[in-house]
Amino acid sequence: MPSDNEEMSSLAHRVSSLRNCRENPKAFPSSRWKENLRASCLQNARKRRRELLMKRRLRNDVSHSRSPGASAEDVLMEVLKERNTVMTPHTSDIKFEGIISASPSEELDPDYGTTKVHSDPRNMQDTFSDWDGHNLTDDDLYDILLEIEEELKVDDEMLLEEVLEEERTSLEYQVNEYEDWEYDMDEEERVVCPLCTASYLRLSPTGDICCSDNYCPMRVKPNDQSKPLLAFKNDLGRIFEEHSRNCNDQLVLRVCTNENGITLVMSCNSCDQCCQF
């Protein structure tokens, strides 16, 4: 059984410990000030990185016809550089310049995409003063930087997977578009140009029937808008067949320009037959 002196000594020790904790809040093992600081910095970092990614997505949407999208490397490069900007949680002016790469003592060089040595977080005491009335030591800063860096590394992996998934979706969309276009081309029977007989006919952006050889002057307006190439081929075949019934000579094709535009003229020197599209 403890003596009265031992009980008094134990009580005095407890009173001294409580007084020390009251004067120095960091003495509490369960003190939340460090966790609040870490959480606030993470919230700011994640918000800025998400805003950056959203801006990148908007730029990709605008230029989608020009480019299928930015690569994952480009997005992560900007996010990593953005992580090195100023973060000001609450009213404190705190700059977490050390949060940049897998190691708190390294920084990603924006010019070359490689890492370079950064100042040790233990030497940044002048940059960090206090947080919510708590004086920050070098060890406090170092521990907080390591914790934030570990969580941001996990965020990097999730962000990379998200960007890669978007790129896969964009690529699948382009492949499907190309396959649909290829299927439509196969469905639309190919027609040899009757003027140069060396290339195939195609539809121009304005809807005209023209030769795929840019040097060939073949260009006419289609009569059938639903299947213009097939209708043009059938009309040509019908004219040649009717001519061959009465004449053994060949029709000669040429392109003429008049007040109605460009016209394809077919004529025969033997039977004087002449028709135009």
C-alpha atoms as a PDB file:
ATOM      1  CA  MET A   1       0.000   0.000   0.000  1.00  0.00           C
ATOM      2  CA  PRO A   2       1.570   3.344  -1.037  1.00  0.00           C
ATOM      3  CA  SER A   3       2.510   5.770   1.688  1.00  0.00           C
ATOM      4  CA  ASP A   4       1.136   9.284   2.047  1.00  0.00           C
ATOM      5  CA  ASN A   5       4.372  10.724   0.660  1.00  0.00           C
ATOM      6  CA  GLU A   6       4.142   8.548  -2.454  1.00  0.00           C
ATOM      7  CA  GLU A   7       0.516   9.577  -3.033  1.00  0.00           C
ATOM      8  CA  MET A   8       1.402  13.255  -2.645  1.00  0.00           C
ATOM      9  CA  SER A   9       4.337  12.827  -5.041  1.00  0.00           C
ATOM     10  CA  SER A  10       2.122  11.111  -7.642  1.00  0.00           C
ATOM     11  CA  LEU A  11      -0.545  13.805  -7.317  1.00  0.00           C
ATOM     12  CA  ALA A  12       2.046  16.558  -7.698  1.00  0.00           C
ATOM     13  CA  HIS A  13       3.381  14.837 -10.846  1.00  0.00           C
ATOM     14  CA  ARG A  14      -0.107  14.689 -12.377  1.00  0.00           C
ATOM     15  CA  VAL A  15      -0.778  18.345 -11.564  1.00  0.00           C
ATOM     16  CA  SER A  16       2.553  19.279 -13.133  1.00  0.00           C
ATOM     17  CA  SER A  17       1.730  17.275 -16.276  1.00  0.00           C
ATOM     18  CA  LEU A  18      -1.689  18.890 -16.641  1.00  0.00           C
ATOM     19  CA  ARG A  19      -0.184  22.359 -16.183  1.00  0.00           C
ATOM     20  CA  ASN A  20       2.425  21.562 -18.842  1.00  0.00           C
ATOM     21  CA  CYS A  21      -0.269  20.403 -21.274  1.00  0.00           C
ATOM     22  CA  ARG A  22      -2.297  23.519 -20.630  1.00  0.00           C
ATOM     23  CA  GLU A  23       0.679  25.765 -21.325  1.00  0.00           C
ATOM     24  CA  ASN A  24       1.844  23.668 -24.284  1.00  0.00           C
ATOM     25  CA  PRO A  25      -1.115  22.191 -26.254  1.00  0.00           C
ATOM     26  CA  LYS A  26       1.257  20.079 -28.359  1.00  0.00           C
ATOM     27  CA  ALA A  27       1.911  18.001 -25.253  1.00  0.00           C
ATOM     28  CA  PHE A  28      -1.494  16.373 -25.691  1.00  0.00           C
ATOM     29  CA  PRO A  29      -0.969  13.114 -27.603  1.00  0.00           C
ATOM     30  CA  SER A  30      -4.430  13.515 -29.128  1.00  0.00           C
ATOM     31  CA  SER A  31      -3.998  17.157 -30.107  1.00  0.00           C
ATOM     32  CA  ARG A  32      -5.792  17.866 -33.379  1.00  0.00           C
ATOM     33  CA  TRP A  33      -3.972  20.992 -34.493  1.00  0.00           C
ATOM     34  CA  LYS A  34      -1.490  19.067 -36.625  1.00  0.00           C
ATOM     35  CA  GLU A  35      -4.246  16.979 -38.217  1.00  0.00           C
ATOM     36  CA  ASN A  36      -6.245  20.137 -38.976  1.00  0.00           C
ATOM     37  CA  LEU A  37      -3.211  21.710 -40.624  1.00  0.00           C
ATOM     38  CA  ARG A  38      -2.545  18.620 -42.734  1.00  0.00           C
ATOM     39  CA  ALA A  39      -6.224  18.286 -43.719  1.00  0.00           C
ATOM     40  CA  SER A  40      -6.465  21.956 -44.673  1.00  0.00           C
ATOM     41  CA  CYS A  41      -3.380  21.760 -46.873  1.00  0.00           C
ATOM     42  CA  LEU A  42      -4.638  18.589 -48.564  1.00  0.00           C
ATOM     43  CA  GLN A  43      -8.007  20.208 -49.210  1.00  0.00           C
ATOM     44  CA  ASN A  44      -6.362  23.200 -50.858  1.00  0.00           C
ATOM     45  CA  ALA A  45      -4.017  21.047 -52.948  1.00  0.00           C
ATOM     46  CA  ARG A  46      -6.795  18.755 -54.183  1.00  0.00           C
ATOM     47  CA  LYS A  47      -9.062  21.695 -55.009  1.00  0.00           C
ATOM     48  CA  ARG A  48      -6.384  23.418 -57.084  1.00  0.00           C
ATOM     49  CA  ARG A  49      -5.482  20.219 -58.922  1.00  0.00           C
ATOM     50  CA  ARG A  50      -9.136  19.460 -59.727  1.00  0.00           C
ATOM     51  CA  GLU A  51      -9.603  22.994 -61.052  1.00  0.00           C
ATOM     52  CA  LEU A  52      -6.544  22.520 -63.244  1.00  0.00           C
ATOM     53  CA  LEU A  53      -7.836  19.213 -64.591  1.00  0.00           C
ATOM     54  CA  MET A  54     -11.239  20.758 -65.342  1.00  0.00           C
ATOM     55  CA  LYS A  55      -9.590  23.593 -67.287  1.00  0.00           C
ATOM     56  CA  ARG A  56      -7.638  21.003 -69.259  1.00  0.00           C
ATOM     57  CA  ARG A  57     -10.819  19.085 -70.055  1.00  0.00           C
ATOM     58  CA  LEU A  58     -12.529  22.251 -71.293  1.00  0.00           C
ATOM     59  CA  ARG A  59      -9.596  23.017 -73.580  1.00  0.00           C
ATOM     60  CA  ASN A  60      -9.761  19.480 -74.961  1.00  0.00           C
ATOM     61  CA  ASP A  61     -13.510  19.798 -75.606  1.00  0.00           C
ATOM     62  CA  VAL A  62     -12.958  22.993 -77.597  1.00  0.00           C
ATOM     63  CA  SER A  63     -10.136  21.506 -79.679  1.00  0.00           C
ATOM     64  CA  HIS A  64     -11.556  17.973 -79.903  1.00  0.00           C
ATOM     65  CA  SER A  65     -11.695  18.062 -83.692  1.00  0.00           C
ATOM     66  CA  ARG A  66      -8.034  19.009 -83.840  1.00  0.00           C
ATOM     67  CA  SER A  67      -6.661  16.659 -81.210  1.00  0.00           C
ATOM     68  CA  PRO A  68      -8.064  13.533 -79.512  1.00  0.00           C
ATOM     69  CA  GLY A  69      -6.999  14.903 -76.156  1.00  0.00           C
ATOM     70  CA  ALA A  70      -4.004  15.700 -74.038  1.00  0.00           C
ATOM     71  CA  SER A  71      -1.823  12.840 -72.943  1.00  0.00           C
ATOM     72  CA  ALA A  72      -1.722  11.686 -69.345  1.00  0.00           C
ATOM     73  CA  GLU A  73       1.876  12.869 -69.087  1.00  0.00           C
ATOM     74  CA  ASP A  74       0.886  16.435 -70.022  1.00  0.00           C
ATOM     75  CA  VAL A  75      -1.910  16.541 -67.469  1.00  0.00           C
ATOM     76  CA  LEU A  76       0.203  15.151 -64.653  1.00  0.00           C
ATOM     77  CA  MET A  77       3.044  17.524 -65.495  1.00  0.00           C
ATOM     78  CA  GLU A  78       0.749  20.517 -65.033  1.00  0.00           C
ATOM     79  CA  VAL A  79      -0.757  19.050 -61.861  1.00  0.00           C
ATOM     80  CA  LEU A  80       2.666  18.451 -60.329  1.00  0.00           C
ATOM     81  CA  LYS A  81       3.786  21.975 -61.164  1.00  0.00           C
ATOM     82  CA  GLU A  82       0.521  23.345 -59.756  1.00  0.00           C
ATOM     83  CA  ARG A  83       1.206  21.496 -56.495  1.00  0.00           C
ATOM     84  CA  ASN A  84       4.185  23.793 -55.951  1.00  0.00           C
ATOM     85  CA  THR A  85       2.041  26.940 -55.689  1.00  0.00           C
ATOM     86  CA  VAL A  86       1.081  28.870 -52.567  1.00  0.00           C
ATOM     87  CA  MET A  87      -1.602  27.380 -50.292  1.00  0.00           C
ATOM     88  CA  THR A  88      -3.085  29.620 -47.584  1.00  0.00           C
ATOM     89  CA  PRO A  89      -5.401  27.679 -45.229  1.00  0.00           C
ATOM     90  CA  HIS A  90      -7.487  29.834 -42.891  1.00  0.00           C
ATOM     91  CA  THR A  91      -5.660  33.110 -42.188  1.00  0.00           C
ATOM     92  CA  SER A  92      -2.126  31.744 -41.975  1.00  0.00           C
ATOM     93  CA  ASP A  93       0.376  32.516 -44.716  1.00  0.00           C
ATOM     94  CA  ILE A  94       1.903  29.063 -45.213  1.00  0.00           C
ATOM     95  CA  LYS A  95       3.763  28.034 -48.382  1.00  0.00           C
ATOM     96  CA  PHE A  96       4.181  24.298 -48.832  1.00  0.00           C
ATOM     97  CA  GLU A  97       6.887  24.507 -51.474  1.00  0.00           C
ATOM     98  CA  GLY A  98       8.288  21.104 -50.580  1.00  0.00           C
ATOM     99  CA  ILE A  99       5.230  19.142 -51.754  1.00  0.00           C
ATOM    100  CA  ILE A 100       6.218  18.407 -55.329  1.00  0.00           C
ATOM    101  CA  SER A 101       7.487  14.880 -55.974  1.00  0.00           C
ATOM    102  CA  ALA A 102       7.682  11.427 -54.423  1.00  0.00           C
ATOM    103  CA  SER A 103      10.305  12.781 -52.052  1.00  0.00           C
ATOM    104  CA  PRO A 104       9.768  15.980 -50.044  1.00  0.00           C
ATOM    105  CA  SER A 105      13.354  17.001 -50.793  1.00  0.00           C
ATOM    106  CA  GLU A 106      12.938  16.840 -54.598  1.00  0.00           C
ATOM    107  CA  GLU A 107      11.147  19.081 -57.070  1.00  0.00           C
ATOM    108  CA  LEU A 108       9.993  18.519 -60.639  1.00  0.00           C
ATOM    109  CA  ASP A 109      11.836  20.833 -63.028  1.00  0.00           C
ATOM    110  CA  PRO A 110       9.152  22.444 -65.249  1.00  0.00           C
ATOM    111  CA  ASP A 111      11.638  23.030 -68.084  1.00  0.00           C
ATOM    112  CA  TYR A 112      13.072  19.549 -68.428  1.00  0.00           C
ATOM    113  CA  GLY A 113      10.550  17.284 -66.708  1.00  0.00           C
ATOM    114  CA  THR A 114      13.221  15.923 -64.375  1.00  0.00           C
ATOM    115  CA  THR A 115      13.697  16.173 -60.640  1.00  0.00           C
ATOM    116  CA  LYS A 116      16.072  18.516 -58.943  1.00  0.00           C
ATOM    117  CA  VAL A 117      17.119  18.752 -55.316  1.00  0.00           C
ATOM    118  CA  HIS A 118      14.966  21.049 -53.206  1.00  0.00           C
ATOM    119  CA  SER A 119      15.775  22.510 -49.834  1.00  0.00           C
ATOM    120  CA  ASP A 120      15.243  20.146 -46.912  1.00  0.00           C
ATOM    121  CA  PRO A 121      11.904  20.808 -45.163  1.00  0.00           C
ATOM    122  CA  ARG A 122      13.847  20.880 -41.900  1.00  0.00           C
ATOM    123  CA  ASN A 123      15.500  24.096 -43.106  1.00  0.00           C
ATOM    124  CA  MET A 124      12.246  25.952 -43.841  1.00  0.00           C
ATOM    125  CA  GLN A 125      11.572  27.158 -40.309  1.00  0.00           C
ATOM    126  CA  ASP A 126      11.741  30.786 -41.458  1.00  0.00           C
ATOM    127  CA  THR A 127       8.965  30.154 -43.987  1.00  0.00           C
ATOM    128  CA  PHE A 128       6.620  28.476 -41.490  1.00  0.00           C
ATOM    129  CA  SER A 129       5.845  30.498 -38.375  1.00  0.00           C
ATOM    130  CA  ASP A 130       2.826  29.186 -36.505  1.00  0.00           C
ATOM    131  CA  TRP A 131      -0.516  27.512 -37.009  1.00  0.00           C
ATOM    132  CA  ASP A 132      -3.549  28.548 -34.999  1.00  0.00           C
ATOM    133  CA  GLY A 133      -1.359  29.703 -32.145  1.00  0.00           C
ATOM    134  CA  HIS A 134       0.942  26.647 -32.164  1.00  0.00           C
ATOM    135  CA  ASN A 135       4.627  27.143 -32.791  1.00  0.00           C
ATOM    136  CA  LEU A 136       5.807  24.749 -35.509  1.00  0.00           C
ATOM    137  CA  THR A 137       9.097  22.966 -35.070  1.00  0.00           C
ATOM    138  CA  ASP A 138      11.266  21.508 -37.825  1.00  0.00           C
ATOM    139  CA  ASP A 139      10.111  18.015 -36.885  1.00  0.00           C
ATOM    140  CA  ASP A 140       6.465  19.108 -37.082  1.00  0.00           C
ATOM    141  CA  LEU A 141       6.985  20.474 -40.580  1.00  0.00           C
ATOM    142  CA  TYR A 142       8.870  17.428 -41.744  1.00  0.00           C
ATOM    143  CA  ASP A 143       6.210  15.020 -40.436  1.00  0.00           C
ATOM    144  CA  ILE A 144       3.362  17.015 -41.968  1.00  0.00           C
ATOM    145  CA  LEU A 145       5.105  17.271 -45.334  1.00  0.00           C
ATOM    146  CA  LEU A 146       5.705  13.525 -45.407  1.00  0.00           C
ATOM    147  CA  GLU A 147       2.073  12.761 -44.548  1.00  0.00           C
ATOM    148  CA  ILE A 148       0.739  15.133 -47.188  1.00  0.00           C
ATOM    149  CA  GLU A 149       3.153  13.785 -49.782  1.00  0.00           C
ATOM    150  CA  GLU A 150       2.048  10.203 -49.181  1.00  0.00           C
ATOM    151  CA  GLU A 151      -1.621  11.116 -49.612  1.00  0.00           C
ATOM    152  CA  LEU A 152      -0.934  13.144 -52.750  1.00  0.00           C
ATOM    153  CA  LYS A 153       0.988  10.207 -54.221  1.00  0.00           C
ATOM    154  CA  VAL A 154      -2.188   8.140 -53.883  1.00  0.00           C
ATOM    155  CA  ASP A 155      -4.126  10.985 -55.513  1.00  0.00           C
ATOM    156  CA  ASP A 156      -1.627  10.979 -58.390  1.00  0.00           C
ATOM    157  CA  GLU A 157      -2.312   7.305 -59.057  1.00  0.00           C
ATOM    158  CA  MET A 158      -6.075   7.865 -59.006  1.00  0.00           C
ATOM    159  CA  LEU A 159      -5.735  10.909 -61.253  1.00  0.00           C
ATOM    160  CA  LEU A 160      -3.589   8.981 -63.715  1.00  0.00           C
ATOM    161  CA  GLU A 161      -6.148   6.187 -63.902  1.00  0.00           C
ATOM    162  CA  GLU A 162      -8.936   8.724 -64.428  1.00  0.00           C
ATOM    163  CA  VAL A 163      -7.074  10.458 -67.259  1.00  0.00           C
ATOM    164  CA  LEU A 164      -6.155   7.158 -68.912  1.00  0.00           C
ATOM    165  CA  GLU A 165      -9.788   6.056 -68.755  1.00  0.00           C
ATOM    166  CA  GLU A 166     -10.850   9.282 -70.471  1.00  0.00           C
ATOM    167  CA  GLU A 167      -8.241   8.705 -73.171  1.00  0.00           C
ATOM    168  CA  ARG A 168      -9.440   5.132 -73.669  1.00  0.00           C
ATOM    169  CA  THR A 169     -13.018   6.361 -74.026  1.00  0.00           C
ATOM    170  CA  SER A 170     -11.964   9.036 -76.524  1.00  0.00           C
ATOM    171  CA  LEU A 171      -9.942   6.519 -78.538  1.00  0.00           C
ATOM    172  CA  GLU A 172     -12.819   4.031 -78.627  1.00  0.00           C
ATOM    173  CA  TYR A 173     -15.123   6.791 -79.855  1.00  0.00           C
ATOM    174  CA  GLN A 174     -12.752   7.663 -82.710  1.00  0.00           C
ATOM    175  CA  VAL A 175     -12.302   4.005 -83.669  1.00  0.00           C
ATOM    176  CA  ASN A 176     -16.077   3.487 -83.752  1.00  0.00           C
ATOM    177  CA  GLU A 177     -16.499   6.603 -85.891  1.00  0.00           C
ATOM    178  CA  TYR A 178     -13.892   5.345 -88.356  1.00  0.00           C
ATOM    179  CA  GLU A 179     -15.480   1.883 -88.510  1.00  0.00           C
ATOM    180  CA  ASP A 180     -18.896   3.431 -89.196  1.00  0.00           C
ATOM    181  CA  TRP A 181     -17.397   5.565 -91.963  1.00  0.00           C
ATOM    182  CA  GLU A 182     -15.607   2.542 -93.437  1.00  0.00           C
ATOM    183  CA  TYR A 183     -18.848   0.546 -93.337  1.00  0.00           C
ATOM    184  CA  ASP A 184     -20.701   3.322 -95.171  1.00  0.00           C
ATOM    185  CA  MET A 185     -17.962   3.426 -97.810  1.00  0.00           C
ATOM    186  CA  ASP A 186     -18.275  -0.323 -98.356  1.00  0.00           C
ATOM    187  CA  GLU A 187     -22.054  -0.025 -98.632  1.00  0.00           C
ATOM    188  CA  GLU A 188     -21.731   2.743-101.220  1.00  0.00           C
ATOM    189  CA  GLU A 189     -20.526   0.996-104.386  1.00  0.00           C
ATOM    190  CA  ARG A 190     -17.357   2.445-105.861  1.00  0.00           C
ATOM    191  CA  VAL A 191     -17.724   4.172-109.217  1.00  0.00           C
ATOM    192  CA  VAL A 192     -14.826   4.659-111.631  1.00  0.00           C
ATOM    193  CA  CYS A 193     -14.479   8.190-112.954  1.00  0.00           C
ATOM    194  CA  PRO A 194     -15.766   8.135-116.572  1.00  0.00           C
ATOM    195  CA  LEU A 195     -13.546  11.059-117.529  1.00  0.00           C
ATOM    196  CA  CYS A 196     -10.061   9.900-116.489  1.00  0.00           C
ATOM    197  CA  THR A 197     -10.960   6.197-115.908  1.00  0.00           C
ATOM    198  CA  ALA A 198      -8.054   6.054-113.426  1.00  0.00           C
ATOM    199  CA  SER A 199      -9.624   7.092-110.111  1.00  0.00           C
ATOM    200  CA  TYR A 200     -12.869   6.693-108.239  1.00  0.00           C
ATOM    201  CA  LEU A 201     -15.662   9.198-107.873  1.00  0.00           C
ATOM    202  CA  ARG A 202     -16.462  10.721-104.495  1.00  0.00           C
ATOM    203  CA  LEU A 203     -18.751  13.304-102.960  1.00  0.00           C
ATOM    204  CA  SER A 204     -17.258  16.711-102.275  1.00  0.00           C
ATOM    205  CA  PRO A 205     -18.085  18.650 -99.076  1.00  0.00           C
ATOM    206  CA  THR A 206     -20.532  20.719-101.151  1.00  0.00           C
ATOM    207  CA  GLY A 207     -22.364  17.579-102.329  1.00  0.00           C
ATOM    208  CA  ASP A 208     -20.987  17.508-105.888  1.00  0.00           C
ATOM    209  CA  ILE A 209     -19.832  14.323-107.580  1.00  0.00           C
ATOM    210  CA  CYS A 210     -16.145  14.713-108.363  1.00  0.00           C
ATOM    211  CA  CYS A 211     -13.055  12.647-109.054  1.00  0.00           C
ATOM    212  CA  SER A 212     -10.755  11.648-106.194  1.00  0.00           C
ATOM    213  CA  ASP A 213      -7.882  12.822-108.405  1.00  0.00           C
ATOM    214  CA  ASN A 214      -7.656  16.557-107.796  1.00  0.00           C
ATOM    215  CA  TYR A 215      -6.178  17.097-111.261  1.00  0.00           C
ATOM    216  CA  CYS A 216      -9.217  15.590-112.979  1.00  0.00           C
ATOM    217  CA  PRO A 217     -11.858  18.253-113.883  1.00  0.00           C
ATOM    218  CA  MET A 218     -14.756  15.838-113.345  1.00  0.00           C
ATOM    219  CA  ARG A 219     -17.478  17.559-111.253  1.00  0.00           C
ATOM    220  CA  VAL A 220     -21.264  17.376-111.661  1.00  0.00           C
ATOM    221  CA  LYS A 221     -24.354  17.945-109.548  1.00  0.00           C
ATOM    222  CA  PRO A 222     -26.055  14.698-108.463  1.00  0.00           C
ATOM    223  CA  ASN A 223     -29.653  13.986-109.472  1.00  0.00           C
ATOM    224  CA  ASP A 224     -30.337  11.638-106.550  1.00  0.00           C
ATOM    225  CA  GLN A 225     -29.360  12.929-103.115  1.00  0.00           C
ATOM    226  CA  SER A 226     -30.024   9.661-101.279  1.00  0.00           C
ATOM    227  CA  LYS A 227     -27.417   7.579-103.155  1.00  0.00           C
ATOM    228  CA  PRO A 228     -25.804   9.992-105.598  1.00  0.00           C
ATOM    229  CA  LEU A 229     -22.864   7.834-106.686  1.00  0.00           C
ATOM    230  CA  LEU A 230     -24.973   4.753-107.322  1.00  0.00           C
ATOM    231  CA  ALA A 231     -27.605   6.787-109.194  1.00  0.00           C
ATOM    232  CA  PHE A 232     -24.901   8.465-111.303  1.00  0.00           C
ATOM    233  CA  LYS A 233     -23.424   5.072-112.200  1.00  0.00           C
ATOM    234  CA  ASN A 234     -26.841   3.720-113.213  1.00  0.00           C
ATOM    235  CA  ASP A 235     -27.571   6.783-115.364  1.00  0.00           C
ATOM    236  CA  LEU A 236     -24.206   6.458-117.122  1.00  0.00           C
ATOM    237  CA  GLY A 237     -24.761   2.759-117.706  1.00  0.00           C
ATOM    238  CA  ARG A 238     -28.206   3.381-119.173  1.00  0.00           C
ATOM    239  CA  ILE A 239     -26.882   6.046-121.606  1.00  0.00           C
ATOM    240  CA  PHE A 240     -23.987   3.878-122.768  1.00  0.00           C
ATOM    241  CA  GLU A 241     -26.290   0.880-123.204  1.00  0.00           C
ATOM    242  CA  GLU A 242     -28.815   2.841-125.284  1.00  0.00           C
ATOM    243  CA  HIS A 243     -26.042   4.228-127.474  1.00  0.00           C
ATOM    244  CA  SER A 244     -24.445   0.824-128.046  1.00  0.00           C
ATOM    245  CA  ARG A 245     -27.722  -0.536-129.420  1.00  0.00           C
ATOM    246  CA  ASN A 246     -27.629   1.842-132.395  1.00  0.00           C
ATOM    247  CA  CYS A 247     -23.939   2.670-132.806  1.00  0.00           C
ATOM    248  CA  ASN A 248     -20.682   0.762-132.691  1.00  0.00           C
ATOM    249  CA  ASP A 249     -18.575   3.813-131.915  1.00  0.00           C
ATOM    250  CA  GLN A 250     -17.687   5.022-128.425  1.00  0.00           C
ATOM    251  CA  LEU A 251     -19.103   7.972-126.588  1.00  0.00           C
ATOM    252  CA  VAL A 252     -16.632  10.745-125.791  1.00  0.00           C
ATOM    253  CA  LEU A 253     -16.931  12.524-122.434  1.00  0.00           C
ATOM    254  CA  ARG A 254     -15.865  16.065-121.627  1.00  0.00           C
ATOM    255  CA  VAL A 255     -16.631  18.711-119.023  1.00  0.00           C
ATOM    256  CA  CYS A 256     -18.142  22.014-120.100  1.00  0.00           C
ATOM    257  CA  THR A 257     -18.799  25.177-118.134  1.00  0.00           C
ATOM    258  CA  ASN A 258     -21.891  27.256-118.908  1.00  0.00           C
ATOM    259  CA  GLU A 259     -24.338  29.552-117.143  1.00  0.00           C
ATOM    260  CA  ASN A 260     -25.735  26.568-115.228  1.00  0.00           C
ATOM    261  CA  GLY A 261     -22.337  25.587-113.891  1.00  0.00           C
ATOM    262  CA  ILE A 262     -20.248  22.551-114.764  1.00  0.00           C
ATOM    263  CA  THR A 263     -21.841  19.972-117.051  1.00  0.00           C
ATOM    264  CA  LEU A 264     -20.686  16.531-118.153  1.00  0.00           C
ATOM    265  CA  VAL A 265     -21.259  16.189-121.910  1.00  0.00           C
ATOM    266  CA  MET A 266     -21.258  12.843-123.756  1.00  0.00           C
ATOM    267  CA  SER A 267     -21.174  12.857-127.543  1.00  0.00           C
ATOM    268  CA  CYS A 268     -20.475  10.526-130.473  1.00  0.00           C
ATOM    269  CA  ASN A 269     -18.693  11.591-133.666  1.00  0.00           C
ATOM    270  CA  SER A 270     -20.346   8.844-135.718  1.00  0.00           C
ATOM    271  CA  CYS A 271     -24.047   9.125-134.860  1.00  0.00           C
ATOM    272  CA  ASP A 272     -24.055  12.708-133.631  1.00  0.00           C
ATOM    273  CA  GLN A 273     -25.699  11.640-130.364  1.00  0.00           C
ATOM    274  CA  CYS A 274     -25.157  14.147-127.585  1.00  0.00           C
ATOM    275  CA  CYS A 275     -26.437  14.240-124.023  1.00  0.00           C
ATOM    276  CA  GLN A 276     -25.414  15.950-120.835  1.00  0.00           C
ATOM    277  CA  PHE A 277     -25.688  15.664-117.061  1.00  0.00           C
END
